[in-house]
Amino acid sequence: MIGIIAKKKEMTQIFTDNGIVIPVTIIEAPPCAITQVKTLKNDGYYAIQLATGTKKNMNKPLLGHLKRVGIKSCRTLFEFRVDDVKQYKVGQKINLSMFEEGEIVNVSGVSKGKGFQGVIKRHGFSGGPKTHGSTSHRVPGSTGASATPARVVKGTKLPGRTGGNRVTVKNLKIVKIYKEKNLIAVSGAIPGSRNGIVFLRKIEKKGKK
């Protein structure tokens, strides 16, 4: 579904008229320009390519691609798959007017990288005994598989790099939209660090084919 490129700002809380506190994440979503409309005939699928932000150093092929739509530079270029591209055209602006307060959206981003971590932090292992002479506190324990197959099975939970993965949080409610400031507040937490790039997507309504 169509969406918009945005930037995660911070978390705060909003009080409802009934005095209920809702934890929200503030997302900055300036207007994005459509740089390319992909069709089934030309590209094999339907999609809308959006550009946002500015960047000093860019390669010439990308500069030429953006020059056709009158954009000097962009920091982020991303495309959204759509079912129909008839209502979109190159140079058109996509902004927060496509969303409504109370609407449910999906938010995607890259989670915070935590480097190389052990099994307790990475997989939530409980750890070994702390007393009675035990020396196995935060180790993963035995990983062997006896004589058959005589190797460590692929997929075994072991220490390794943690975070820095593409994560999508689904069914987040839009609590408030500040169109004049290009800000949108969604309930709950979203992946990524402050000022990290995220993607807000409209979701298909239930019962709609």
C-alpha atoms as a PDB file:
ATOM      1  CA  MET A   1       0.000   0.000   0.000  1.00  0.00           C
ATOM      2  CA  ILE A   2       1.019   3.610  -0.540  1.00  0.00           C
ATOM      3  CA  GLY A   3       2.890   5.327   2.280  1.00  0.00           C
ATOM      4  CA  ILE A   4       5.322   8.117   3.064  1.00  0.00           C
ATOM      5  CA  ILE A   5       8.991   8.439   4.018  1.00  0.00           C
ATOM      6  CA  ALA A   6       9.413   9.956   7.466  1.00  0.00           C
ATOM      7  CA  LYS A   7      11.874  10.488  10.305  1.00  0.00           C
ATOM      8  CA  LYS A   8      11.512   9.311  13.890  1.00  0.00           C
ATOM      9  CA  LYS A   9      11.842  12.215  16.326  1.00  0.00           C
ATOM     10  CA  GLU A  10      11.030  11.288  19.931  1.00  0.00           C
ATOM     11  CA  MET A  11       8.551   9.659  22.293  1.00  0.00           C
ATOM     12  CA  THR A  12       6.116  11.557  24.485  1.00  0.00           C
ATOM     13  CA  GLN A  13       2.591  11.183  25.834  1.00  0.00           C
ATOM     14  CA  ILE A  14      -0.791  12.627  24.934  1.00  0.00           C
ATOM     15  CA  PHE A  15      -3.752  13.024  27.275  1.00  0.00           C
ATOM     16  CA  THR A  16      -7.225  12.265  25.957  1.00  0.00           C
ATOM     17  CA  ASP A  17     -10.347  14.208  26.951  1.00  0.00           C
ATOM     18  CA  ASN A  18     -11.055  11.462  29.495  1.00  0.00           C
ATOM     19  CA  GLY A  19      -7.641  11.891  31.114  1.00  0.00           C
ATOM     20  CA  ILE A  20      -6.178   8.694  29.660  1.00  0.00           C
ATOM     21  CA  VAL A  21      -2.446   8.823  28.935  1.00  0.00           C
ATOM     22  CA  ILE A  22      -1.388   7.462  25.528  1.00  0.00           C
ATOM     23  CA  PRO A  23       2.346   6.911  24.885  1.00  0.00           C
ATOM     24  CA  VAL A  24       3.112   8.111  21.364  1.00  0.00           C
ATOM     25  CA  THR A  25       6.038   8.466  18.997  1.00  0.00           C
ATOM     26  CA  ILE A  26       6.406  11.771  17.143  1.00  0.00           C
ATOM     27  CA  ILE A  27       7.282  11.296  13.477  1.00  0.00           C
ATOM     28  CA  GLU A  28       8.315  14.066  11.093  1.00  0.00           C
ATOM     29  CA  ALA A  29       6.966  13.527   7.589  1.00  0.00           C
ATOM     30  CA  PRO A  30       7.653  16.383   5.139  1.00  0.00           C
ATOM     31  CA  PRO A  31       6.096  16.165   1.659  1.00  0.00           C
ATOM     32  CA  CYS A  32       7.691  13.567  -0.633  1.00  0.00           C
ATOM     33  CA  ALA A  33       7.937  13.983  -4.396  1.00  0.00           C
ATOM     34  CA  ILE A  34       7.107  11.189  -6.813  1.00  0.00           C
ATOM     35  CA  THR A  35      10.214  10.632  -8.941  1.00  0.00           C
ATOM     36  CA  GLN A  36       9.039   7.602 -10.913  1.00  0.00           C
ATOM     37  CA  VAL A  37       5.825   5.718 -11.608  1.00  0.00           C
ATOM     38  CA  LYS A  38       6.500   2.064 -12.328  1.00  0.00           C
ATOM     39  CA  THR A  39       4.008   0.116 -14.419  1.00  0.00           C
ATOM     40  CA  LEU A  40       3.454  -3.524 -15.222  1.00  0.00           C
ATOM     41  CA  LYS A  41       4.297  -2.960 -18.873  1.00  0.00           C
ATOM     42  CA  ASN A  42       7.618  -1.183 -18.329  1.00  0.00           C
ATOM     43  CA  ASP A  43       8.870  -2.599 -15.025  1.00  0.00           C
ATOM     44  CA  GLY A  44       6.875  -5.754 -14.404  1.00  0.00           C
ATOM     45  CA  TYR A  45       5.005  -4.396 -11.359  1.00  0.00           C
ATOM     46  CA  TYR A  46       3.169  -1.320 -10.093  1.00  0.00           C
ATOM     47  CA  ALA A  47       4.997   0.978  -7.692  1.00  0.00           C
ATOM     48  CA  ILE A  48       5.481   4.629  -6.751  1.00  0.00           C
ATOM     49  CA  GLN A  49       9.015   5.897  -6.133  1.00  0.00           C
ATOM     50  CA  LEU A  50       9.324   8.728  -3.589  1.00  0.00           C
ATOM     51  CA  ALA A  51      12.209  11.048  -2.717  1.00  0.00           C
ATOM     52  CA  THR A  52      12.750  13.224   0.340  1.00  0.00           C
ATOM     53  CA  GLY A  53      15.496  15.210   2.067  1.00  0.00           C
ATOM     54  CA  THR A  54      18.687  16.722   0.666  1.00  0.00           C
ATOM     55  CA  LYS A  55      22.234  15.464   0.288  1.00  0.00           C
ATOM     56  CA  LYS A  56      25.504  17.137  -0.730  1.00  0.00           C
ATOM     57  CA  ASN A  57      27.327  14.374  -2.598  1.00  0.00           C
ATOM     58  CA  MET A  58      25.364  12.279  -5.066  1.00  0.00           C
ATOM     59  CA  ASN A  59      26.405  10.213  -8.071  1.00  0.00           C
ATOM     60  CA  LYS A  60      25.638  11.450 -11.575  1.00  0.00           C
ATOM     61  CA  PRO A  61      23.178   8.702 -12.571  1.00  0.00           C
ATOM     62  CA  LEU A  62      20.976   9.532  -9.588  1.00  0.00           C
ATOM     63  CA  LEU A  63      21.323  13.274 -10.202  1.00  0.00           C
ATOM     64  CA  GLY A  64      20.151  12.738 -13.773  1.00  0.00           C
ATOM     65  CA  HIS A  65      17.251  10.642 -12.557  1.00  0.00           C
ATOM     66  CA  LEU A  66      16.119  13.417 -10.183  1.00  0.00           C
ATOM     67  CA  LYS A  67      16.741  16.236 -12.663  1.00  0.00           C
ATOM     68  CA  ARG A  68      13.879  15.010 -14.831  1.00  0.00           C
ATOM     69  CA  VAL A  69      11.409  15.919 -12.076  1.00  0.00           C
ATOM     70  CA  GLY A  70      13.134  19.139 -11.012  1.00  0.00           C
ATOM     71  CA  ILE A  71      14.777  17.849  -7.833  1.00  0.00           C
ATOM     72  CA  LYS A  72      18.380  18.830  -7.130  1.00  0.00           C
ATOM     73  CA  SER A  73      19.135  16.124  -4.565  1.00  0.00           C
ATOM     74  CA  CYS A  74      17.557  13.711  -2.093  1.00  0.00           C
ATOM     75  CA  ARG A  75      18.684  11.815   0.959  1.00  0.00           C
ATOM     76  CA  THR A  76      16.230   8.931   0.773  1.00  0.00           C
ATOM     77  CA  LEU A  77      14.740   7.218  -2.280  1.00  0.00           C
ATOM     78  CA  PHE A  78      12.141   4.528  -1.671  1.00  0.00           C
ATOM     79  CA  GLU A  79       9.302   2.887  -3.548  1.00  0.00           C
ATOM     80  CA  PHE A  80       5.900   1.655  -2.400  1.00  0.00           C
ATOM     81  CA  ARG A  81       4.019  -1.102  -4.184  1.00  0.00           C
ATOM     82  CA  VAL A  82       0.501  -0.106  -5.224  1.00  0.00           C
ATOM     83  CA  ASP A  83      -2.362  -1.819  -7.022  1.00  0.00           C
ATOM     84  CA  ASP A  84      -3.085   1.050  -9.411  1.00  0.00           C
ATOM     85  CA  VAL A  85      -0.918   3.974 -10.552  1.00  0.00           C
ATOM     86  CA  LYS A  86      -3.522   5.920 -12.548  1.00  0.00           C
ATOM     87  CA  GLN A  87      -3.973   8.526  -9.815  1.00  0.00           C
ATOM     88  CA  TYR A  88      -0.246   9.225  -9.498  1.00  0.00           C
ATOM     89  CA  LYS A  89       2.103  11.171 -11.753  1.00  0.00           C
ATOM     90  CA  VAL A  90       5.759  12.190 -11.704  1.00  0.00           C
ATOM     91  CA  GLY A  91       6.377  15.389  -9.727  1.00  0.00           C
ATOM     92  CA  GLN A  92       3.274  14.971  -7.567  1.00  0.00           C
ATOM     93  CA  LYS A  93       3.681  15.642  -3.827  1.00  0.00           C
ATOM     94  CA  ILE A  94       2.659  13.081  -1.204  1.00  0.00           C
ATOM     95  CA  ASN A  95       2.032  14.541   2.257  1.00  0.00           C
ATOM     96  CA  LEU A  96       0.234  13.817   5.527  1.00  0.00           C
ATOM     97  CA  SER A  97      -3.156  14.663   4.033  1.00  0.00           C
ATOM     98  CA  MET A  98      -3.360  11.021   2.978  1.00  0.00           C
ATOM     99  CA  PHE A  99      -3.711   9.996   6.640  1.00  0.00           C
ATOM    100  CA  GLU A 100      -6.495  10.610   9.140  1.00  0.00           C
ATOM    101  CA  GLU A 101      -6.561  10.681  12.932  1.00  0.00           C
ATOM    102  CA  GLY A 102      -7.671   7.311  14.284  1.00  0.00           C
ATOM    103  CA  GLU A 103      -6.390   5.450  11.221  1.00  0.00           C
ATOM    104  CA  ILE A 104      -4.320   2.276  11.630  1.00  0.00           C
ATOM    105  CA  VAL A 105      -0.902   2.187   9.943  1.00  0.00           C
ATOM    106  CA  ASN A 106       2.204   0.007   9.715  1.00  0.00           C
ATOM    107  CA  VAL A 107       5.614   1.512  10.484  1.00  0.00           C
ATOM    108  CA  SER A 108       8.888   0.019   9.213  1.00  0.00           C
ATOM    109  CA  GLY A 109      12.434   0.944  10.142  1.00  0.00           C
ATOM    110  CA  VAL A 110      15.880  -0.391  11.023  1.00  0.00           C
ATOM    111  CA  SER A 111      16.202  -1.419  14.672  1.00  0.00           C
ATOM    112  CA  LYS A 112      19.025  -0.111  16.849  1.00  0.00           C
ATOM    113  CA  GLY A 113      22.278  -1.983  16.368  1.00  0.00           C
ATOM    114  CA  LYS A 114      23.665  -3.500  19.578  1.00  0.00           C
ATOM    115  CA  GLY A 115      26.820  -5.121  18.247  1.00  0.00           C
ATOM    116  CA  PHE A 116      27.993  -8.595  19.272  1.00  0.00           C
ATOM    117  CA  GLN A 117      25.908  -9.885  22.195  1.00  0.00           C
ATOM    118  CA  GLY A 118      25.628 -13.057  24.223  1.00  0.00           C
ATOM    119  CA  VAL A 119      22.697 -15.436  24.336  1.00  0.00           C
ATOM    120  CA  ILE A 120      21.112 -13.811  27.406  1.00  0.00           C
ATOM    121  CA  LYS A 121      20.701 -10.420  25.752  1.00  0.00           C
ATOM    122  CA  ARG A 122      20.250 -11.737  22.224  1.00  0.00           C
ATOM    123  CA  HIS A 123      17.815 -14.603  22.846  1.00  0.00           C
ATOM    124  CA  GLY A 124      16.623 -14.110  26.413  1.00  0.00           C
ATOM    125  CA  PHE A 125      18.357 -17.128  27.962  1.00  0.00           C
ATOM    126  CA  SER A 126      17.969 -17.430  31.743  1.00  0.00           C
ATOM    127  CA  GLY A 127      21.611 -18.160  32.471  1.00  0.00           C
ATOM    128  CA  GLY A 128      23.144 -20.780  34.722  1.00  0.00           C
ATOM    129  CA  PRO A 129      23.256 -21.094  38.516  1.00  0.00           C
ATOM    130  CA  LYS A 130      24.969 -18.267  40.379  1.00  0.00           C
ATOM    131  CA  THR A 131      26.055 -20.274  43.417  1.00  0.00           C
ATOM    132  CA  HIS A 132      27.114 -23.768  44.604  1.00  0.00           C
ATOM    133  CA  GLY A 133      30.380 -23.669  42.672  1.00  0.00           C
ATOM    134  CA  SER A 134      28.848 -23.220  39.233  1.00  0.00           C
ATOM    135  CA  THR A 135      31.060 -21.546  36.646  1.00  0.00           C
ATOM    136  CA  SER A 136      28.436 -21.481  33.882  1.00  0.00           C
ATOM    137  CA  HIS A 137      26.641 -18.170  34.353  1.00  0.00           C
ATOM    138  CA  ARG A 138      26.055 -16.517  30.979  1.00  0.00           C
ATOM    139  CA  VAL A 139      27.260 -19.201  28.566  1.00  0.00           C
ATOM    140  CA  PRO A 140      24.913 -20.872  26.048  1.00  0.00           C
ATOM    141  CA  GLY A 141      25.617 -24.367  27.309  1.00  0.00           C
ATOM    142  CA  SER A 142      25.992 -27.534  25.270  1.00  0.00           C
ATOM    143  CA  THR A 143      25.397 -27.142  21.534  1.00  0.00           C
ATOM    144  CA  GLY A 144      26.433 -30.568  20.282  1.00  0.00           C
ATOM    145  CA  ALA A 145      24.116 -33.169  18.792  1.00  0.00           C
ATOM    146  CA  SER A 146      25.908 -36.387  19.857  1.00  0.00           C
ATOM    147  CA  ALA A 147      27.147 -38.761  17.150  1.00  0.00           C
ATOM    148  CA  THR A 148      24.269 -37.904  14.868  1.00  0.00           C
ATOM    149  CA  PRO A 149      24.642 -35.561  13.065  1.00  0.00           C
ATOM    150  CA  ALA A 150      27.918 -34.853  14.930  1.00  0.00           C
ATOM    151  CA  ARG A 151      27.747 -31.129  14.293  1.00  0.00           C
ATOM    152  CA  VAL A 152      26.015 -27.991  15.508  1.00  0.00           C
ATOM    153  CA  VAL A 153      22.600 -27.802  13.836  1.00  0.00           C
ATOM    154  CA  LYS A 154      21.969 -24.726  11.721  1.00  0.00           C
ATOM    155  CA  GLY A 155      19.737 -22.183  13.423  1.00  0.00           C
ATOM    156  CA  THR A 156      20.962 -22.939  16.947  1.00  0.00           C
ATOM    157  CA  LYS A 157      20.627 -19.900  19.198  1.00  0.00           C
ATOM    158  CA  LEU A 158      24.172 -18.674  19.814  1.00  0.00           C
ATOM    159  CA  PRO A 159      25.935 -15.348  20.484  1.00  0.00           C
ATOM    160  CA  GLY A 160      26.209 -12.978  17.523  1.00  0.00           C
ATOM    161  CA  ARG A 161      25.440  -9.595  16.046  1.00  0.00           C
ATOM    162  CA  THR A 162      22.237  -8.152  17.412  1.00  0.00           C
ATOM    163  CA  GLY A 163      19.958  -5.437  16.040  1.00  0.00           C
ATOM    164  CA  GLY A 164      20.311  -3.445  12.849  1.00  0.00           C
ATOM    165  CA  ASN A 165      17.527  -5.405  11.162  1.00  0.00           C
ATOM    166  CA  ARG A 166      14.493  -4.286   9.190  1.00  0.00           C
ATOM    167  CA  VAL A 167      11.513  -4.364  11.570  1.00  0.00           C
ATOM    168  CA  THR A 168       7.841  -3.608  10.901  1.00  0.00           C
ATOM    169  CA  VAL A 169       5.438  -2.747  13.716  1.00  0.00           C
ATOM    170  CA  LYS A 170       1.859  -3.315  12.606  1.00  0.00           C
ATOM    171  CA  ASN A 171      -1.499  -1.838  13.584  1.00  0.00           C
ATOM    172  CA  LEU A 172      -0.367   1.413  15.190  1.00  0.00           C
ATOM    173  CA  LYS A 173      -3.064   4.026  15.683  1.00  0.00           C
ATOM    174  CA  ILE A 174      -2.621   7.616  14.518  1.00  0.00           C
ATOM    175  CA  VAL A 175      -3.415   9.662  17.617  1.00  0.00           C
ATOM    176  CA  LYS A 176      -2.737  13.190  16.340  1.00  0.00           C
ATOM    177  CA  ILE A 177      -1.696  14.911  13.110  1.00  0.00           C
ATOM    178  CA  TYR A 178      -0.035  18.341  13.045  1.00  0.00           C
ATOM    179  CA  LYS A 179      -0.214  19.176   9.339  1.00  0.00           C
ATOM    180  CA  GLU A 180       1.236  22.686   9.681  1.00  0.00           C
ATOM    181  CA  LYS A 181       4.376  21.207  11.283  1.00  0.00           C
ATOM    182  CA  ASN A 182       4.492  18.007   9.173  1.00  0.00           C
ATOM    183  CA  LEU A 183       4.318  15.934  12.360  1.00  0.00           C
ATOM    184  CA  ILE A 184       2.294  12.852  13.150  1.00  0.00           C
ATOM    185  CA  ALA A 185       1.895  11.051  16.489  1.00  0.00           C
ATOM    186  CA  VAL A 186       1.352   7.293  16.464  1.00  0.00           C
ATOM    187  CA  SER A 187       0.604   5.162  19.507  1.00  0.00           C
ATOM    188  CA  GLY A 188       3.371   3.049  20.999  1.00  0.00           C
ATOM    189  CA  ALA A 189       6.999   2.642  20.011  1.00  0.00           C
ATOM    190  CA  ILE A 190       8.508   2.238  16.554  1.00  0.00           C
ATOM    191  CA  PRO A 191      11.861   0.747  15.495  1.00  0.00           C
ATOM    192  CA  GLY A 192      15.030   2.756  15.012  1.00  0.00           C
ATOM    193  CA  SER A 193      16.976   5.481  16.739  1.00  0.00           C
ATOM    194  CA  ARG A 194      16.147   9.170  16.975  1.00  0.00           C
ATOM    195  CA  ASN A 195      16.256  10.867  13.541  1.00  0.00           C
ATOM    196  CA  GLY A 196      16.234   7.443  11.890  1.00  0.00           C
ATOM    197  CA  ILE A 197      14.348   6.925   8.626  1.00  0.00           C
ATOM    198  CA  VAL A 198      11.007   5.106   8.923  1.00  0.00           C
ATOM    199  CA  PHE A 199       8.247   4.283   6.457  1.00  0.00           C
ATOM    200  CA  LEU A 200       4.558   4.809   7.234  1.00  0.00           C
ATOM    201  CA  ARG A 201       2.204   2.620   5.227  1.00  0.00           C
ATOM    202  CA  LYS A 202      -1.542   2.705   4.888  1.00  0.00           C
ATOM    203  CA  ILE A 203      -3.038  -0.732   5.393  1.00  0.00           C
ATOM    204  CA  GLU A 204      -5.814  -2.355   3.443  1.00  0.00           C
ATOM    205  CA  LYS A 205      -9.125  -2.188   5.279  1.00  0.00           C
ATOM    206  CA  LYS A 206     -10.627  -5.482   6.421  1.00  0.00           C
ATOM    207  CA  GLY A 207     -13.207  -6.857   4.080  1.00  0.00           C
ATOM    208  CA  LYS A 208     -11.792  -4.965   1.103  1.00  0.00           C
ATOM    209  CA  LYS A 209     -10.535  -7.067  -1.755  1.00  0.00           C
END
